[in-house]
mmCIF file of all heavy atoms, coordinates in Angstrom:
data_MODEL
# 
_entry.id   MODEL 
# 
loop_
_atom_site.group_PDB 
_atom_site.id 
_atom_site.type_symbol 
_atom_site.label_atom_id 
_atom_site.label_alt_id 
_atom_site.label_comp_id 
_atom_site.label_asym_id 
_atom_site.label_entity_id 
_atom_site.label_seq_id 
_atom_site.pdbx_PDB_ins_code 
_atom_site.Cartn_x 
_atom_site.Cartn_y 
_atom_site.Cartn_z 
_atom_site.occupancy 
_atom_site.B_iso_or_equiv 
_atom_site.pdbx_formal_charge 
_atom_site.auth_seq_id 
_atom_site.auth_comp_id 
_atom_site.auth_asym_id 
_atom_site.auth_atom_id 
_atom_site.pdbx_PDB_model_num 
ATOM 1   N N   . LEU A 1 1  ? 40.408 13.390 -42.223 1.00 0.00 ? 1  LEU A N   1 
ATOM 2   C CA  . LEU A 1 1  ? 40.717 12.003 -41.906 1.00 0.00 ? 1  LEU A CA  1 
ATOM 3   C C   . LEU A 1 1  ? 42.020 11.833 -41.130 1.00 0.00 ? 1  LEU A C   1 
ATOM 4   O O   . LEU A 1 1  ? 42.119 10.981 -40.242 1.00 0.00 ? 1  LEU A O   1 
ATOM 5   C CB  . LEU A 1 1  ? 40.786 11.164 -43.184 1.00 0.00 ? 1  LEU A CB  1 
ATOM 6   C CG  . LEU A 1 1  ? 39.460 10.656 -43.749 1.00 0.00 ? 1  LEU A CG  1 
ATOM 7   C CD1 . LEU A 1 1  ? 39.697 9.951  -45.083 1.00 0.00 ? 1  LEU A CD1 1 
ATOM 8   C CD2 . LEU A 1 1  ? 38.777 9.711  -42.771 1.00 0.00 ? 1  LEU A CD2 1 
ATOM 9   N N   . ASP A 1 2  ? 43.017 12.622 -41.456 1.00 0.00 ? 2  ASP A N   1 
ATOM 10  C CA  . ASP A 1 2  ? 44.321 12.429 -40.823 1.00 0.00 ? 2  ASP A CA  1 
ATOM 11  C C   . ASP A 1 2  ? 44.591 13.413 -39.689 1.00 0.00 ? 2  ASP A C   1 
ATOM 12  O O   . ASP A 1 2  ? 45.730 13.565 -39.240 1.00 0.00 ? 2  ASP A O   1 
ATOM 13  C CB  . ASP A 1 2  ? 45.417 12.513 -41.885 1.00 0.00 ? 2  ASP A CB  1 
ATOM 14  C CG  . ASP A 1 2  ? 45.320 11.359 -42.878 1.00 0.00 ? 2  ASP A CG  1 
ATOM 15  O OD1 . ASP A 1 2  ? 45.219 10.207 -42.416 1.00 0.00 ? 2  ASP A OD1 1 
ATOM 16  O OD2 . ASP A 1 2  ? 45.314 11.604 -44.097 1.00 0.00 ? 2  ASP A OD2 1 
ATOM 17  N N   . ALA A 1 3  ? 43.531 14.045 -39.211 1.00 0.00 ? 3  ALA A N   1 
ATOM 18  C CA  . ALA A 1 3  ? 43.662 14.924 -38.040 1.00 0.00 ? 3  ALA A CA  1 
ATOM 19  C C   . ALA A 1 3  ? 43.663 14.080 -36.762 1.00 0.00 ? 3  ALA A C   1 
ATOM 20  O O   . ALA A 1 3  ? 43.006 13.036 -36.694 1.00 0.00 ? 3  ALA A O   1 
ATOM 21  C CB  . ALA A 1 3  ? 42.509 15.914 -37.995 1.00 0.00 ? 3  ALA A CB  1 
ATOM 22  N N   . PRO A 1 4  ? 44.395 14.520 -35.736 1.00 0.00 ? 4  PRO A N   1 
ATOM 23  C CA  . PRO A 1 4  ? 44.328 13.808 -34.463 1.00 0.00 ? 4  PRO A CA  1 
ATOM 24  C C   . PRO A 1 4  ? 42.930 13.905 -33.884 1.00 0.00 ? 4  PRO A C   1 
ATOM 25  O O   . PRO A 1 4  ? 42.246 14.921 -34.031 1.00 0.00 ? 4  PRO A O   1 
ATOM 26  C CB  . PRO A 1 4  ? 45.354 14.537 -33.587 1.00 0.00 ? 4  PRO A CB  1 
ATOM 27  C CG  . PRO A 1 4  ? 45.529 15.869 -34.230 1.00 0.00 ? 4  PRO A CG  1 
ATOM 28  C CD  . PRO A 1 4  ? 45.294 15.681 -35.689 1.00 0.00 ? 4  PRO A CD  1 
ATOM 29  N N   . ILE A 1 5  ? 42.501 12.848 -33.235 1.00 0.00 ? 5  ILE A N   1 
ATOM 30  C CA  . ILE A 1 5  ? 41.126 12.789 -32.731 1.00 0.00 ? 5  ILE A CA  1 
ATOM 31  C C   . ILE A 1 5  ? 40.853 13.887 -31.712 1.00 0.00 ? 5  ILE A C   1 
ATOM 32  O O   . ILE A 1 5  ? 39.711 14.340 -31.546 1.00 0.00 ? 5  ILE A O   1 
ATOM 33  C CB  . ILE A 1 5  ? 40.836 11.384 -32.145 1.00 0.00 ? 5  ILE A CB  1 
ATOM 34  C CG1 . ILE A 1 5  ? 39.336 11.173 -31.959 1.00 0.00 ? 5  ILE A CG1 1 
ATOM 35  C CG2 . ILE A 1 5  ? 41.590 11.170 -30.840 1.00 0.00 ? 5  ILE A CG2 1 
ATOM 36  C CD1 . ILE A 1 5  ? 38.543 11.185 -33.248 1.00 0.00 ? 5  ILE A CD1 1 
ATOM 37  N N   . GLN A 1 6  ? 41.885 14.374 -31.030 1.00 0.00 ? 6  GLN A N   1 
ATOM 38  C CA  . GLN A 1 6  ? 41.687 15.423 -30.019 1.00 0.00 ? 6  GLN A CA  1 
ATOM 39  C C   . GLN A 1 6  ? 41.183 16.733 -30.623 1.00 0.00 ? 6  GLN A C   1 
ATOM 40  O O   . GLN A 1 6  ? 40.632 17.565 -29.900 1.00 0.00 ? 6  GLN A O   1 
ATOM 41  C CB  . GLN A 1 6  ? 42.988 15.680 -29.253 1.00 0.00 ? 6  GLN A CB  1 
ATOM 42  C CG  . GLN A 1 6  ? 43.381 14.568 -28.290 1.00 0.00 ? 6  GLN A CG  1 
ATOM 43  C CD  . GLN A 1 6  ? 44.147 13.452 -28.984 1.00 0.00 ? 6  GLN A CD  1 
ATOM 44  O OE1 . GLN A 1 6  ? 44.415 13.512 -30.202 1.00 0.00 ? 6  GLN A OE1 1 
ATOM 45  N NE2 . GLN A 1 6  ? 44.518 12.426 -28.219 1.00 0.00 ? 6  GLN A NE2 1 
ATOM 46  N N   . ARG A 1 7  ? 41.360 16.937 -31.938 1.00 0.00 ? 7  ARG A N   1 
ATOM 47  C CA  . ARG A 1 7  ? 40.818 18.138 -32.564 1.00 0.00 ? 7  ARG A CA  1 
ATOM 48  C C   . ARG A 1 7  ? 39.291 18.181 -32.408 1.00 0.00 ? 7  ARG A C   1 
ATOM 49  O O   . ARG A 1 7  ? 38.700 19.253 -32.278 1.00 0.00 ? 7  ARG A O   1 
ATOM 50  C CB  . ARG A 1 7  ? 41.177 18.176 -34.045 1.00 0.00 ? 7  ARG A CB  1 
ATOM 51  C CG  . ARG A 1 7  ? 40.608 19.391 -34.782 1.00 0.00 ? 7  ARG A CG  1 
ATOM 52  C CD  . ARG A 1 7  ? 40.895 19.371 -36.267 1.00 0.00 ? 7  ARG A CD  1 
ATOM 53  N NE  . ARG A 1 7  ? 42.335 19.414 -36.553 1.00 0.00 ? 7  ARG A NE  1 
ATOM 54  C CZ  . ARG A 1 7  ? 42.842 19.424 -37.782 1.00 0.00 ? 7  ARG A CZ  1 
ATOM 55  N NH1 . ARG A 1 7  ? 42.013 19.370 -38.839 1.00 0.00 ? 7  ARG A NH1 1 
ATOM 56  N NH2 . ARG A 1 7  ? 44.148 19.459 -37.972 1.00 0.00 ? 7  ARG A NH2 1 
ATOM 57  N N   . TYR A 1 8  ? 38.670 17.006 -32.412 1.00 0.00 ? 8  TYR A N   1 
ATOM 58  C CA  . TYR A 1 8  ? 37.218 16.920 -32.335 1.00 0.00 ? 8  TYR A CA  1 
ATOM 59  C C   . TYR A 1 8  ? 36.726 16.442 -30.969 1.00 0.00 ? 8  TYR A C   1 
ATOM 60  O O   . TYR A 1 8  ? 35.585 16.700 -30.598 1.00 0.00 ? 8  TYR A O   1 
ATOM 61  C CB  . TYR A 1 8  ? 36.695 15.977 -33.422 1.00 0.00 ? 8  TYR A CB  1 
ATOM 62  C CG  . TYR A 1 8  ? 37.260 16.304 -34.776 1.00 0.00 ? 8  TYR A CG  1 
ATOM 63  C CD1 . TYR A 1 8  ? 38.289 15.539 -35.334 1.00 0.00 ? 8  TYR A CD1 1 
ATOM 64  C CD2 . TYR A 1 8  ? 36.817 17.404 -35.499 1.00 0.00 ? 8  TYR A CD2 1 
ATOM 65  C CE1 . TYR A 1 8  ? 38.836 15.843 -36.563 1.00 0.00 ? 8  TYR A CE1 1 
ATOM 66  C CE2 . TYR A 1 8  ? 37.363 17.728 -36.734 1.00 0.00 ? 8  TYR A CE2 1 
ATOM 67  C CZ  . TYR A 1 8  ? 38.371 16.948 -37.260 1.00 0.00 ? 8  TYR A CZ  1 
ATOM 68  O OH  . TYR A 1 8  ? 38.916 17.268 -38.481 1.00 0.00 ? 8  TYR A OH  1 
ATOM 69  N N   . VAL A 1 9  ? 37.603 15.740 -30.251 1.00 0.00 ? 9  VAL A N   1 
ATOM 70  C CA  . VAL A 1 9  ? 37.250 15.217 -28.927 1.00 0.00 ? 9  VAL A CA  1 
ATOM 71  C C   . VAL A 1 9  ? 38.354 15.633 -27.958 1.00 0.00 ? 9  VAL A C   1 
ATOM 72  O O   . VAL A 1 9  ? 39.211 14.827 -27.581 1.00 0.00 ? 9  VAL A O   1 
ATOM 73  C CB  . VAL A 1 9  ? 37.086 13.679 -28.950 1.00 0.00 ? 9  VAL A CB  1 
ATOM 74  C CG1 . VAL A 1 9  ? 36.470 13.193 -27.637 1.00 0.00 ? 9  VAL A CG1 1 
ATOM 75  C CG2 . VAL A 1 9  ? 36.231 13.228 -30.122 1.00 0.00 ? 9  VAL A CG2 1 
ATOM 76  N N   . PRO A 1 10 ? 38.374 16.895 -27.552 1.00 0.00 ? 10 PRO A N   1 
ATOM 77  C CA  . PRO A 1 10 ? 39.469 17.376 -26.710 1.00 0.00 ? 10 PRO A CA  1 
ATOM 78  C C   . PRO A 1 10 ? 39.525 16.710 -25.337 1.00 0.00 ? 10 PRO A C   1 
ATOM 79  O O   . PRO A 1 10 ? 40.571 16.757 -24.679 1.00 0.00 ? 10 PRO A O   1 
ATOM 80  C CB  . PRO A 1 10 ? 39.189 18.884 -26.596 1.00 0.00 ? 10 PRO A CB  1 
ATOM 81  C CG  . PRO A 1 10 ? 37.762 19.063 -26.967 1.00 0.00 ? 10 PRO A CG  1 
ATOM 82  C CD  . PRO A 1 10 ? 37.448 17.980 -27.948 1.00 0.00 ? 10 PRO A CD  1 
ATOM 83  N N   . SER A 1 11 ? 38.425 16.064 -24.918 1.00 0.00 ? 11 SER A N   1 
ATOM 84  C CA  . SER A 1 11 ? 38.435 15.389 -23.614 1.00 0.00 ? 11 SER A CA  1 
ATOM 85  C C   . SER A 1 11 ? 39.218 14.079 -23.647 1.00 0.00 ? 11 SER A C   1 
ATOM 86  O O   . SER A 1 11 ? 39.500 13.496 -22.590 1.00 0.00 ? 11 SER A O   1 
ATOM 87  C CB  . SER A 1 11 ? 37.001 15.107 -23.152 1.00 0.00 ? 11 SER A CB  1 
ATOM 88  O OG  . SER A 1 11 ? 36.332 14.236 -24.051 1.00 0.00 ? 11 SER A OG  1 
ATOM 89  N N   . PHE A 1 12 ? 39.594 13.606 -24.845 1.00 0.00 ? 12 PHE A N   1 
ATOM 90  C CA  . PHE A 1 12 ? 40.415 12.398 -24.943 1.00 0.00 ? 12 PHE A CA  1 
ATOM 91  C C   . PHE A 1 12 ? 41.876 12.806 -24.804 1.00 0.00 ? 12 PHE A C   1 
ATOM 92  O O   . PHE A 1 12 ? 42.392 13.578 -25.619 1.00 0.00 ? 12 PHE A O   1 
ATOM 93  C CB  . PHE A 1 12 ? 40.178 11.697 -26.274 1.00 0.00 ? 12 PHE A CB  1 
ATOM 94  C CG  . PHE A 1 12 ? 40.867 10.367 -26.392 1.00 0.00 ? 12 PHE A CG  1 
ATOM 95  C CD1 . PHE A 1 12 ? 40.515 9.308  -25.568 1.00 0.00 ? 12 PHE A CD1 1 
ATOM 96  C CD2 . PHE A 1 12 ? 41.873 10.164 -27.336 1.00 0.00 ? 12 PHE A CD2 1 
ATOM 97  C CE1 . PHE A 1 12 ? 41.137 8.075  -25.676 1.00 0.00 ? 12 PHE A CE1 1 
ATOM 98  C CE2 . PHE A 1 12 ? 42.508 8.937  -27.451 1.00 0.00 ? 12 PHE A CE2 1 
ATOM 99  C CZ  . PHE A 1 12 ? 42.139 7.892  -26.615 1.00 0.00 ? 12 PHE A CZ  1 
ATOM 100 N N   . PRO A 1 13 ? 42.578 12.306 -23.799 1.00 0.00 ? 13 PRO A N   1 
ATOM 101 C CA  . PRO A 1 13 ? 43.938 12.785 -23.515 1.00 0.00 ? 13 PRO A CA  1 
ATOM 102 C C   . PRO A 1 13 ? 44.925 12.489 -24.646 1.00 0.00 ? 13 PRO A C   1 
ATOM 103 O O   . PRO A 1 13 ? 44.770 11.532 -25.402 1.00 0.00 ? 13 PRO A O   1 
ATOM 104 C CB  . PRO A 1 13 ? 44.326 12.008 -22.248 1.00 0.00 ? 13 PRO A CB  1 
ATOM 105 C CG  . PRO A 1 13 ? 43.044 11.528 -21.667 1.00 0.00 ? 13 PRO A CG  1 
ATOM 106 C CD  . PRO A 1 13 ? 42.126 11.303 -22.819 1.00 0.00 ? 13 PRO A CD  1 
ATOM 107 N N   . GLU A 1 14 ? 45.941 13.328 -24.736 1.00 0.00 ? 14 GLU A N   1 
ATOM 108 C CA  . GLU A 1 14 ? 47.040 13.072 -25.663 1.00 0.00 ? 14 GLU A CA  1 
ATOM 109 C C   . GLU A 1 14 ? 47.733 11.768 -25.277 1.00 0.00 ? 14 GLU A C   1 
ATOM 110 O O   . GLU A 1 14 ? 47.881 11.445 -24.100 1.00 0.00 ? 14 GLU A O   1 
ATOM 111 C CB  . GLU A 1 14 ? 48.050 14.215 -25.618 1.00 0.00 ? 14 GLU A CB  1 
ATOM 112 C CG  . GLU A 1 14 ? 47.496 15.565 -26.046 1.00 0.00 ? 14 GLU A CG  1 
ATOM 113 C CD  . GLU A 1 14 ? 47.381 15.694 -27.559 1.00 0.00 ? 14 GLU A CD  1 
ATOM 114 O OE1 . GLU A 1 14 ? 47.989 14.851 -28.270 1.00 0.00 ? 14 GLU A OE1 1 
ATOM 115 O OE2 . GLU A 1 14 ? 46.700 16.627 -28.016 1.00 0.00 ? 14 GLU A OE2 1 
ATOM 116 N N   . LYS A 1 15 ? 48.164 11.015 -26.287 1.00 0.00 ? 15 LYS A N   1 
ATOM 117 C CA  . LYS A 1 15 ? 48.884 9.763  -26.081 1.00 0.00 ? 15 LYS A CA  1 
ATOM 118 C C   . LYS A 1 15 ? 50.308 9.928  -26.611 1.00 0.00 ? 15 LYS A C   1 
ATOM 119 O O   . LYS A 1 15 ? 50.646 10.943 -27.212 1.00 0.00 ? 15 LYS A O   1 
ATOM 120 C CB  . LYS A 1 15 ? 48.150 8.620  -26.791 1.00 0.00 ? 15 LYS A CB  1 
ATOM 121 C CG  . LYS A 1 15 ? 46.687 8.443  -26.358 1.00 0.00 ? 15 LYS A CG  1 
ATOM 122 C CD  . LYS A 1 15 ? 46.564 8.087  -24.884 1.00 0.00 ? 15 LYS A CD  1 
ATOM 123 C CE  . LYS A 1 15 ? 45.106 7.922  -24.470 1.00 0.00 ? 15 LYS A CE  1 
ATOM 124 N NZ  . LYS A 1 15 ? 44.968 7.547  -23.042 1.00 0.00 ? 15 LYS A NZ  1 
ATOM 125 N N   . PRO A 1 16 ? 51.172 8.929  -26.402 1.00 0.00 ? 16 PRO A N   1 
ATOM 126 C CA  . PRO A 1 16 ? 52.551 9.071  -26.908 1.00 0.00 ? 16 PRO A CA  1 
ATOM 127 C C   . PRO A 1 16 ? 52.630 9.274  -28.417 1.00 0.00 ? 16 PRO A C   1 
ATOM 128 O O   . PRO A 1 16 ? 53.624 9.819  -28.913 1.00 0.00 ? 16 PRO A O   1 
ATOM 129 C CB  . PRO A 1 16 ? 53.197 7.734  -26.495 1.00 0.00 ? 16 PRO A CB  1 
ATOM 130 C CG  . PRO A 1 16 ? 52.413 7.285  -25.308 1.00 0.00 ? 16 PRO A CG  1 
ATOM 131 C CD  . PRO A 1 16 ? 51.014 7.725  -25.566 1.00 0.00 ? 16 PRO A CD  1 
ATOM 132 N N   . TRP A 1 17 ? 51.596 8.829  -29.154 1.00 0.00 ? 17 TRP A N   1 
ATOM 133 C CA  . TRP A 1 17 ? 51.552 9.015  -30.604 1.00 0.00 ? 17 TRP A CA  1 
ATOM 134 C C   . TRP A 1 17 ? 50.198 9.611  -30.971 1.00 0.00 ? 17 TRP A C   1 
ATOM 135 O O   . TRP A 1 17 ? 49.210 9.420  -30.270 1.00 0.00 ? 17 TRP A O   1 
ATOM 136 C CB  . TRP A 1 17 ? 51.706 7.680  -31.334 1.00 0.00 ? 17 TRP A CB  1 
ATOM 137 C CG  . TRP A 1 17 ? 52.868 6.848  -30.892 1.00 0.00 ? 17 TRP A CG  1 
ATOM 138 C CD1 . TRP A 1 17 ? 54.164 6.976  -31.286 1.00 0.00 ? 17 TRP A CD1 1 
ATOM 139 C CD2 . TRP A 1 17 ? 52.831 5.741  -29.981 1.00 0.00 ? 17 TRP A CD2 1 
ATOM 140 N NE1 . TRP A 1 17 ? 54.943 6.017  -30.686 1.00 0.00 ? 17 TRP A NE1 1 
ATOM 141 C CE2 . TRP A 1 17 ? 54.151 5.244  -29.877 1.00 0.00 ? 17 TRP A CE2 1 
ATOM 142 C CE3 . TRP A 1 17 ? 51.826 5.117  -29.247 1.00 0.00 ? 17 TRP A CE3 1 
ATOM 143 C CZ2 . TRP A 1 17 ? 54.483 4.154  -29.069 1.00 0.00 ? 17 TRP A CZ2 1 
ATOM 144 C CZ3 . TRP A 1 17 ? 52.134 4.048  -28.444 1.00 0.00 ? 17 TRP A CZ3 1 
ATOM 145 C CH2 . TRP A 1 17 ? 53.460 3.579  -28.358 1.00 0.00 ? 17 TRP A CH2 1 
ATOM 146 N N   . PRO A 1 18 ? 50.122 10.302 -32.086 1.00 0.00 ? 18 PRO A N   1 
ATOM 147 C CA  . PRO A 1 18 ? 48.821 10.807 -32.548 1.00 0.00 ? 18 PRO A CA  1 
ATOM 148 C C   . PRO A 1 18 ? 47.895 9.644  -32.926 1.00 0.00 ? 18 PRO A C   1 
ATOM 149 O O   . PRO A 1 18 ? 48.347 8.625  -33.455 1.00 0.00 ? 18 PRO A O   1 
ATOM 150 C CB  . PRO A 1 18 ? 49.174 11.650 -33.773 1.00 0.00 ? 18 PRO A CB  1 
ATOM 151 C CG  . PRO A 1 18 ? 50.647 11.928 -33.661 1.00 0.00 ? 18 PRO A CG  1 
ATOM 152 C CD  . PRO A 1 18 ? 51.233 10.758 -32.948 1.00 0.00 ? 18 PRO A CD  1 
ATOM 153 N N   . VAL A 1 19 ? 46.614 9.808  -32.640 1.00 0.00 ? 19 VAL A N   1 
ATOM 154 C CA  . VAL A 1 19 ? 45.577 8.855  -33.043 1.00 0.00 ? 19 VAL A CA  1 
ATOM 155 C C   . VAL A 1 19 ? 44.651 9.600  -33.990 1.00 0.00 ? 19 VAL A C   1 
ATOM 156 O O   . VAL A 1 19 ? 44.031 10.596 -33.604 1.00 0.00 ? 19 VAL A O   1 
ATOM 157 C CB  . VAL A 1 19 ? 44.781 8.331  -31.838 1.00 0.00 ? 19 VAL A CB  1 
ATOM 158 C CG1 . VAL A 1 19 ? 43.699 7.355  -32.302 1.00 0.00 ? 19 VAL A CG1 1 
ATOM 159 C CG2 . VAL A 1 19 ? 45.699 7.675  -30.819 1.00 0.00 ? 19 VAL A CG2 1 
ATOM 160 N N   . THR A 1 20 ? 44.554 9.140  -35.238 1.00 0.00 ? 20 THR A N   1 
ATOM 161 C CA  . THR A 1 20 ? 43.796 9.886  -36.233 1.00 0.00 ? 20 THR A CA  1 
ATOM 162 C C   . THR A 1 20 ? 42.408 9.292  -36.473 1.00 0.00 ? 20 THR A C   1 
ATOM 163 O O   . THR A 1 20 ? 42.135 8.135  -36.131 1.00 0.00 ? 20 THR A O   1 
ATOM 164 C CB  . THR A 1 20 ? 44.540 9.932  -37.575 1.00 0.00 ? 20 THR A CB  1 
ATOM 165 O OG1 . THR A 1 20 ? 44.569 8.612  -38.137 1.00 0.00 ? 20 THR A OG1 1 
ATOM 166 C CG2 . THR A 1 20 ? 45.965 10.443 -37.401 1.00 0.00 ? 20 THR A CG2 1 
ATOM 167 N N   . VAL A 1 21 ? 41.562 10.086 -37.094 1.00 0.00 ? 21 VAL A N   1 
ATOM 168 C CA  . VAL A 1 21 ? 40.230 9.639  -37.468 1.00 0.00 ? 21 VAL A CA  1 
ATOM 169 C C   . VAL A 1 21 ? 40.327 8.437  -38.398 1.00 0.00 ? 21 VAL A C   1 
ATOM 170 O O   . VAL A 1 21 ? 39.610 7.434  -38.226 1.00 0.00 ? 21 VAL A O   1 
ATOM 171 C CB  . VAL A 1 21 ? 39.444 10.786 -38.145 1.00 0.00 ? 21 VAL A CB  1 
ATOM 172 C CG1 . VAL A 1 21 ? 38.104 10.292 -38.680 1.00 0.00 ? 21 VAL A CG1 1 
ATOM 173 C CG2 . VAL A 1 21 ? 39.247 11.939 -37.170 1.00 0.00 ? 21 VAL A CG2 1 
ATOM 174 N N   . ARG A 1 22 ? 41.205 8.513  -39.388 1.00 0.00 ? 22 ARG A N   1 
ATOM 175 C CA  . ARG A 1 22 ? 41.379 7.415  -40.339 1.00 0.00 ? 22 ARG A CA  1 
ATOM 176 C C   . ARG A 1 22 ? 41.723 6.109  -39.616 1.00 0.00 ? 22 ARG A C   1 
ATOM 177 O O   . ARG A 1 22 ? 41.164 5.039  -39.922 1.00 0.00 ? 22 ARG A O   1 
ATOM 178 C CB  . ARG A 1 22 ? 42.486 7.756  -41.334 1.00 0.00 ? 22 ARG A CB  1 
ATOM 179 C CG  . ARG A 1 22 ? 42.688 6.690  -42.420 1.00 0.00 ? 22 ARG A CG  1 
ATOM 180 C CD  . ARG A 1 22 ? 43.974 6.960  -43.218 1.00 0.00 ? 22 ARG A CD  1 
ATOM 181 N NE  . ARG A 1 22 ? 43.973 8.265  -43.845 1.00 0.00 ? 22 ARG A NE  1 
ATOM 182 C CZ  . ARG A 1 22 ? 43.469 8.505  -45.059 1.00 0.00 ? 22 ARG A CZ  1 
ATOM 183 N NH1 . ARG A 1 22 ? 42.916 7.530  -45.739 1.00 0.00 ? 22 ARG A NH1 1 
ATOM 184 N NH2 . ARG A 1 22 ? 43.532 9.724  -45.566 1.00 0.00 ? 22 ARG A NH2 1 
ATOM 185 N N   . GLN A 1 23 ? 42.639 6.183  -38.680 1.00 0.00 ? 23 GLN A N   1 
ATOM 186 C CA  . GLN A 1 23 ? 43.048 4.981  -37.962 1.00 0.00 ? 23 GLN A CA  1 
ATOM 187 C C   . GLN A 1 23 ? 41.911 4.398  -37.138 1.00 0.00 ? 23 GLN A C   1 
ATOM 188 O O   . GLN A 1 23 ? 41.718 3.179  -37.092 1.00 0.00 ? 23 GLN A O   1 
ATOM 189 C CB  . GLN A 1 23 ? 44.251 5.302  -37.071 1.00 0.00 ? 23 GLN A CB  1 
ATOM 190 C CG  . GLN A 1 23 ? 45.524 5.587  -37.861 1.00 0.00 ? 23 GLN A CG  1 
ATOM 191 C CD  . GLN A 1 23 ? 46.593 6.283  -37.042 1.00 0.00 ? 23 GLN A CD  1 
ATOM 192 O OE1 . GLN A 1 23 ? 46.313 6.888  -35.999 1.00 0.00 ? 23 GLN A OE1 1 
ATOM 193 N NE2 . GLN A 1 23 ? 47.836 6.224  -37.514 1.00 0.00 ? 23 GLN A NE2 1 
ATOM 194 N N   . LEU A 1 24 ? 41.121 5.257  -36.507 1.00 0.00 ? 24 LEU A N   1 
ATOM 195 C CA  . LEU A 1 24 ? 39.997 4.764  -35.708 1.00 0.00 ? 24 LEU A CA  1 
ATOM 196 C C   . LEU A 1 24 ? 38.935 4.103  -36.584 1.00 0.00 ? 24 LEU A C   1 
ATOM 197 O O   . LEU A 1 24 ? 38.314 3.115  -36.181 1.00 0.00 ? 24 LEU A O   1 
ATOM 198 C CB  . LEU A 1 24 ? 39.384 5.905  -34.900 1.00 0.00 ? 24 LEU A CB  1 
ATOM 199 C CG  . LEU A 1 24 ? 40.247 6.445  -33.760 1.00 0.00 ? 24 LEU A CG  1 
ATOM 200 C CD1 . LEU A 1 24 ? 39.614 7.677  -33.150 1.00 0.00 ? 24 LEU A CD1 1 
ATOM 201 C CD2 . LEU A 1 24 ? 40.466 5.372  -32.690 1.00 0.00 ? 24 LEU A CD2 1 
# 
């Protein structure tokens, strides 16, 4: 849940802050 989304969707670019599964 608290992993950055890029771990599973590497095509989504890094942002200034991590975006997690839980947050989405």
